[in-house]
Amino acid sequence: MKPVVWLMVMTMLWTAPALGAPPATQPEPILIPTPRPMSRQYQLPPDRTIFVKGRLASDASGGTRPAGPARPEETLVFSGVTETDYQMVAFVEDTAAGKISQLQVGDSIASGKITDITLDSLEYEADGKRTLVRVGQNLLGADALGLPSLATTQSAGSELLDRLRRRRQQELGH
C-alpha cells in the first residue's frame, strides 16, 4: 500500500467513530458545599478589629460611632515612611474614613501642609505653626487612639540614636 493511501485509510478509521458518535453532553456541575457559619466563640464583636489595639472597626451598616473630632488633624495619623526615587513618602491614615494617603514634602492635607519628612517623623505646618509629628501620632502631635508613639516608647538607648542621627546628618551635609 502506498504511504498516501495508507495515511488516508488510517485517518478515516480514526475519525469514523467520532462522525457517528452522539453529540457531547454538558458535564455535570460540580457542587461546592456552602461553608458553615463560624462558631460564636471565634467571632469578634462587630465594633472591634484585630489589627490595631484600641481601634474601632469601620461600620459598613451605618451604625452609630463615637463623636467626631473637633479638627480634621485629630483623625489623621502618621503611620510610617518609605523612600522612593530618592525622596521620602509619608503614609498618613485617615482613621475616620479608613484611607491611607501617600504624601511628600509640600503636599497639602487637612488645613496645612507637610514641610519635612524624616524616617521617624514629619513636620506639619498649619496656621503658621509647625508641629513635629512622630510615627503613631496625629497631625496635632498627640498620641493617636491610645497607641504609644515613638516618643513615649524610647528607652535609654535614645541618646545613642540621637548621636547616630546627628552623625548621619553631618555626613549628608545637613
C-alpha atoms as a PDB file:
ATOM      1  CA  MET A   1       0.000   0.000   0.000  1.00  0.00           C
ATOM      2  CA  LYS A   2       1.284   3.380  -0.893  1.00  0.00           C
ATOM      3  CA  PRO A   3       2.023   5.763   2.016  1.00  0.00           C
ATOM      4  CA  VAL A   4      -0.555   8.336   0.890  1.00  0.00           C
ATOM      5  CA  VAL A   5      -3.344   5.779   0.677  1.00  0.00           C
ATOM      6  CA  TRP A   6      -2.302   4.245   3.976  1.00  0.00           C
ATOM      7  CA  LEU A   7      -2.443   7.698   5.653  1.00  0.00           C
ATOM      8  CA  MET A   8      -5.936   8.346   4.270  1.00  0.00           C
ATOM      9  CA  VAL A   9      -7.225   4.947   5.445  1.00  0.00           C
ATOM     10  CA  MET A  10      -5.803   5.469   8.926  1.00  0.00           C
ATOM     11  CA  THR A  11      -7.323   8.951   9.153  1.00  0.00           C
ATOM     12  CA  MET A  12     -10.759   7.645   8.165  1.00  0.00           C
ATOM     13  CA  LEU A  13     -10.593   4.802  10.664  1.00  0.00           C
ATOM     14  CA  TRP A  14      -9.549   7.146  13.426  1.00  0.00           C
ATOM     15  CA  THR A  15     -12.239   9.773  12.758  1.00  0.00           C
ATOM     16  CA  ALA A  16     -15.090   7.383  11.806  1.00  0.00           C
ATOM     17  CA  PRO A  17     -16.292   6.733  15.386  1.00  0.00           C
ATOM     18  CA  ALA A  18     -16.414  10.456  16.034  1.00  0.00           C
ATOM     19  CA  LEU A  19     -18.599  11.061  12.988  1.00  0.00           C
ATOM     20  CA  GLY A  20     -21.293   8.663  14.177  1.00  0.00           C
ATOM     21  CA  ALA A  21     -20.991   9.450  17.877  1.00  0.00           C
ATOM     22  CA  PRO A  22     -23.862  11.161  19.707  1.00  0.00           C
ATOM     23  CA  PRO A  23     -23.350  14.869  20.466  1.00  0.00           C
ATOM     24  CA  ALA A  24     -21.349  15.618  23.567  1.00  0.00           C
ATOM     25  CA  THR A  25     -23.369  16.394  26.684  1.00  0.00           C
ATOM     26  CA  GLN A  26     -22.635  19.106  29.188  1.00  0.00           C
ATOM     27  CA  PRO A  27     -20.595  17.874  32.124  1.00  0.00           C
ATOM     28  CA  GLU A  28     -22.397  17.706  35.426  1.00  0.00           C
ATOM     29  CA  PRO A  29     -21.834  20.826  37.521  1.00  0.00           C
ATOM     30  CA  ILE A  30     -19.549  20.498  40.499  1.00  0.00           C
ATOM     31  CA  LEU A  31     -21.413  21.295  43.664  1.00  0.00           C
ATOM     32  CA  ILE A  32     -19.391  23.208  46.225  1.00  0.00           C
ATOM     33  CA  PRO A  33     -20.842  22.992  49.704  1.00  0.00           C
ATOM     34  CA  THR A  34     -21.566  26.300  51.389  1.00  0.00           C
ATOM     35  CA  PRO A  35     -19.396  26.860  54.450  1.00  0.00           C
ATOM     36  CA  ARG A  36     -20.952  26.545  57.854  1.00  0.00           C
ATOM     37  CA  PRO A  37     -21.232  29.752  59.886  1.00  0.00           C
ATOM     38  CA  MET A  38     -18.316  30.436  62.224  1.00  0.00           C
ATOM     39  CA  SER A  39     -18.806  29.407  65.819  1.00  0.00           C
ATOM     40  CA  ARG A  40     -19.696  32.357  68.070  1.00  0.00           C
ATOM     41  CA  GLN A  41     -16.666  31.671  70.236  1.00  0.00           C
ATOM     42  CA  TYR A  42     -14.371  32.668  67.342  1.00  0.00           C
ATOM     43  CA  GLN A  43     -16.253  35.771  66.223  1.00  0.00           C
ATOM     44  CA  LEU A  44     -15.084  39.261  67.147  1.00  0.00           C
ATOM     45  CA  PRO A  45     -17.512  41.862  68.374  1.00  0.00           C
ATOM     46  CA  PRO A  46     -18.613  43.895  65.330  1.00  0.00           C
ATOM     47  CA  ASP A  47     -17.175  47.152  66.716  1.00  0.00           C
ATOM     48  CA  ARG A  48     -13.587  45.875  67.150  1.00  0.00           C
ATOM     49  CA  THR A  49     -10.720  44.964  64.843  1.00  0.00           C
ATOM     50  CA  ILE A  50      -7.919  42.505  65.485  1.00  0.00           C
ATOM     51  CA  PHE A  51      -5.363  44.560  63.592  1.00  0.00           C
ATOM     52  CA  VAL A  52      -4.873  47.645  65.780  1.00  0.00           C
ATOM     53  CA  LYS A  53      -5.311  47.680  69.534  1.00  0.00           C
ATOM     54  CA  GLY A  54      -7.963  50.104  70.686  1.00  0.00           C
ATOM     55  CA  ARG A  55      -9.246  50.901  67.180  1.00  0.00           C
ATOM     56  CA  LEU A  56     -12.865  50.596  66.208  1.00  0.00           C
ATOM     57  CA  ALA A  57     -13.641  48.732  63.023  1.00  0.00           C
ATOM     58  CA  SER A  58     -15.380  50.677  60.282  1.00  0.00           C
ATOM     59  CA  ASP A  59     -19.108  50.228  60.468  1.00  0.00           C
ATOM     60  CA  ALA A  60     -20.458  49.454  56.999  1.00  0.00           C
ATOM     61  CA  SER A  61     -24.006  49.115  58.298  1.00  0.00           C
ATOM     62  CA  GLY A  62     -24.203  52.809  59.137  1.00  0.00           C
ATOM     63  CA  GLY A  63     -24.408  52.211  62.871  1.00  0.00           C
ATOM     64  CA  THR A  64     -23.516  54.788  65.470  1.00  0.00           C
ATOM     65  CA  ARG A  65     -19.883  55.637  66.081  1.00  0.00           C
ATOM     66  CA  PRO A  66     -18.132  57.736  68.705  1.00  0.00           C
ATOM     67  CA  ALA A  67     -18.496  61.502  68.393  1.00  0.00           C
ATOM     68  CA  GLY A  68     -16.386  63.017  65.623  1.00  0.00           C
ATOM     69  CA  PRO A  69     -13.244  65.059  66.178  1.00  0.00           C
ATOM     70  CA  ALA A  70     -13.283  68.829  66.517  1.00  0.00           C
ATOM     71  CA  ARG A  71     -10.477  69.207  63.928  1.00  0.00           C
ATOM     72  CA  PRO A  72      -9.548  67.034  60.936  1.00  0.00           C
ATOM     73  CA  GLU A  73      -5.943  66.781  62.190  1.00  0.00           C
ATOM     74  CA  GLU A  74      -7.185  64.612  65.063  1.00  0.00           C
ATOM     75  CA  THR A  75      -8.110  61.735  62.743  1.00  0.00           C
ATOM     76  CA  LEU A  76      -5.023  61.944  60.508  1.00  0.00           C
ATOM     77  CA  VAL A  77      -2.381  59.604  61.950  1.00  0.00           C
ATOM     78  CA  PHE A  78       1.226  59.408  60.733  1.00  0.00           C
ATOM     79  CA  SER A  79       1.705  55.673  60.054  1.00  0.00           C
ATOM     80  CA  GLY A  80       5.173  55.393  58.521  1.00  0.00           C
ATOM     81  CA  VAL A  81       7.669  56.426  55.844  1.00  0.00           C
ATOM     82  CA  THR A  82       9.317  54.937  52.810  1.00  0.00           C
ATOM     83  CA  GLU A  83      11.960  56.262  50.456  1.00  0.00           C
ATOM     84  CA  THR A  84      11.219  56.062  46.742  1.00  0.00           C
ATOM     85  CA  ASP A  85      13.279  57.571  43.931  1.00  0.00           C
ATOM     86  CA  TYR A  86      15.440  59.481  46.408  1.00  0.00           C
ATOM     87  CA  GLN A  87      12.525  61.189  48.139  1.00  0.00           C
ATOM     88  CA  MET A  88      10.671  60.430  51.336  1.00  0.00           C
ATOM     89  CA  VAL A  89       7.000  59.465  51.203  1.00  0.00           C
ATOM     90  CA  ALA A  90       4.901  59.630  54.382  1.00  0.00           C
ATOM     91  CA  PHE A  91       1.881  57.413  54.956  1.00  0.00           C
ATOM     92  CA  VAL A  92      -0.911  59.238  56.755  1.00  0.00           C
ATOM     93  CA  GLU A  93      -4.047  57.322  57.707  1.00  0.00           C
ATOM     94  CA  ASP A  94      -7.431  58.985  57.932  1.00  0.00           C
ATOM     95  CA  THR A  95      -8.854  56.889  60.760  1.00  0.00           C
ATOM     96  CA  ALA A  96     -12.371  58.286  60.254  1.00  0.00           C
ATOM     97  CA  ALA A  97     -12.525  57.283  56.577  1.00  0.00           C
ATOM     98  CA  GLY A  98     -10.203  54.260  56.808  1.00  0.00           C
ATOM     99  CA  LYS A  99      -7.988  55.528  53.973  1.00  0.00           C
ATOM    100  CA  ILE A 100      -4.222  55.950  53.724  1.00  0.00           C
ATOM    101  CA  SER A 101      -2.617  58.835  51.825  1.00  0.00           C
ATOM    102  CA  GLN A 102       0.915  58.953  50.476  1.00  0.00           C
ATOM    103  CA  LEU A 103       2.331  62.437  50.998  1.00  0.00           C
ATOM    104  CA  GLN A 104       5.534  64.221  50.031  1.00  0.00           C
ATOM    105  CA  VAL A 105       7.062  67.490  51.203  1.00  0.00           C
ATOM    106  CA  GLY A 106       4.849  70.356  50.041  1.00  0.00           C
ATOM    107  CA  ASP A 107       1.640  68.325  49.825  1.00  0.00           C
ATOM    108  CA  SER A 108      -1.457  69.854  51.417  1.00  0.00           C
ATOM    109  CA  ILE A 109      -3.508  67.912  53.929  1.00  0.00           C
ATOM    110  CA  ALA A 110      -6.272  68.993  56.336  1.00  0.00           C
ATOM    111  CA  SER A 111      -5.723  72.722  56.933  1.00  0.00           C
ATOM    112  CA  GLY A 112      -1.955  72.724  56.406  1.00  0.00           C
ATOM    113  CA  LYS A 113       0.892  71.108  54.517  1.00  0.00           C
ATOM    114  CA  ILE A 114       3.849  68.776  55.014  1.00  0.00           C
ATOM    115  CA  THR A 115       7.108  70.764  55.312  1.00  0.00           C
ATOM    116  CA  ASP A 116       9.619  67.984  56.141  1.00  0.00           C
ATOM    117  CA  ILE A 117       9.779  64.186  56.282  1.00  0.00           C
ATOM    118  CA  THR A 118      12.409  62.036  58.019  1.00  0.00           C
ATOM    119  CA  LEU A 119      12.496  58.295  58.680  1.00  0.00           C
ATOM    120  CA  ASP A 120      10.643  58.619  62.001  1.00  0.00           C
ATOM    121  CA  SER A 121       8.824  61.938  61.857  1.00  0.00           C
ATOM    122  CA  LEU A 122       7.255  64.572  59.692  1.00  0.00           C
ATOM    123  CA  GLU A 123       6.745  68.288  60.142  1.00  0.00           C
ATOM    124  CA  TYR A 124       3.239  69.624  59.636  1.00  0.00           C
ATOM    125  CA  GLU A 125       2.549  73.343  59.256  1.00  0.00           C
ATOM    126  CA  ALA A 126      -0.883  74.863  59.751  1.00  0.00           C
ATOM    127  CA  ASP A 127      -1.805  78.482  60.519  1.00  0.00           C
ATOM    128  CA  GLY A 128       1.888  79.429  60.723  1.00  0.00           C
ATOM    129  CA  LYS A 129       2.560  76.821  63.450  1.00  0.00           C
ATOM    130  CA  ARG A 130       4.905  73.891  62.785  1.00  0.00           C
ATOM    131  CA  THR A 131       4.310  70.604  64.607  1.00  0.00           C
ATOM    132  CA  LEU A 132       6.769  67.709  64.784  1.00  0.00           C
ATOM    133  CA  VAL A 133       4.721  64.532  64.323  1.00  0.00           C
ATOM    134  CA  ARG A 134       6.233  61.149  65.144  1.00  0.00           C
ATOM    135  CA  VAL A 135       5.011  57.762  63.938  1.00  0.00           C
ATOM    136  CA  GLY A 136       1.811  56.873  65.791  1.00  0.00           C
ATOM    137  CA  GLN A 137       0.789  60.468  66.426  1.00  0.00           C
ATOM    138  CA  ASN A 138      -1.932  62.512  64.788  1.00  0.00           C
ATOM    139  CA  LEU A 139      -1.126  65.760  62.972  1.00  0.00           C
ATOM    140  CA  LEU A 140      -1.583  67.697  66.218  1.00  0.00           C
ATOM    141  CA  GLY A 141       1.361  65.771  67.707  1.00  0.00           C
ATOM    142  CA  ALA A 142      -0.808  63.820  70.155  1.00  0.00           C
ATOM    143  CA  ASP A 143      -0.766  60.051  70.553  1.00  0.00           C
ATOM    144  CA  ALA A 144      -3.432  58.544  68.341  1.00  0.00           C
ATOM    145  CA  LEU A 145      -6.129  56.304  69.831  1.00  0.00           C
ATOM    146  CA  GLY A 146      -4.165  55.434  72.914  1.00  0.00           C
ATOM    147  CA  LEU A 147      -1.349  53.856  70.916  1.00  0.00           C
ATOM    148  CA  PRO A 148       2.147  54.508  72.257  1.00  0.00           C
ATOM    149  CA  SER A 149       4.146  56.749  69.971  1.00  0.00           C
ATOM    150  CA  LEU A 150       7.838  56.503  69.245  1.00  0.00           C
ATOM    151  CA  ALA A 151       8.445  59.452  71.564  1.00  0.00           C
ATOM    152  CA  THR A 152       6.884  57.705  74.565  1.00  0.00           C
ATOM    153  CA  THR A 153       8.476  54.313  73.926  1.00  0.00           C
ATOM    154  CA  GLN A 154      12.090  55.433  73.602  1.00  0.00           C
ATOM    155  CA  SER A 155      14.385  53.937  76.220  1.00  0.00           C
ATOM    156  CA  ALA A 156      17.861  54.744  77.492  1.00  0.00           C
ATOM    157  CA  GLY A 157      19.183  53.937  74.027  1.00  0.00           C
ATOM    158  CA  SER A 158      17.670  57.174  72.699  1.00  0.00           C
ATOM    159  CA  GLU A 159      20.930  59.036  73.391  1.00  0.00           C
ATOM    160  CA  LEU A 160      22.785  56.628  71.119  1.00  0.00           C
ATOM    161  CA  LEU A 161      20.077  57.022  68.482  1.00  0.00           C
ATOM    162  CA  ASP A 162      20.328  60.824  68.654  1.00  0.00           C
ATOM    163  CA  ARG A 163      24.115  60.677  68.349  1.00  0.00           C
ATOM    164  CA  LEU A 164      23.907  58.374  65.312  1.00  0.00           C
ATOM    165  CA  ARG A 165      21.255  60.623  63.767  1.00  0.00           C
ATOM    166  CA  ARG A 166      23.467  63.731  64.198  1.00  0.00           C
ATOM    167  CA  ARG A 167      26.453  61.907  62.700  1.00  0.00           C
ATOM    168  CA  ARG A 168      24.350  60.845  59.689  1.00  0.00           C
ATOM    169  CA  GLN A 169      23.124  64.410  59.163  1.00  0.00           C
ATOM    170  CA  GLN A 170      26.729  65.641  59.242  1.00  0.00           C
ATOM    171  CA  GLU A 171      27.673  63.008  56.650  1.00  0.00           C
ATOM    172  CA  LEU A 172      24.853  64.183  54.415  1.00  0.00           C
ATOM    173  CA  GLY A 173      25.862  67.823  54.880  1.00  0.00           C
ATOM    174  CA  HIS A 174      22.714  68.982  56.671  1.00  0.00           C
END
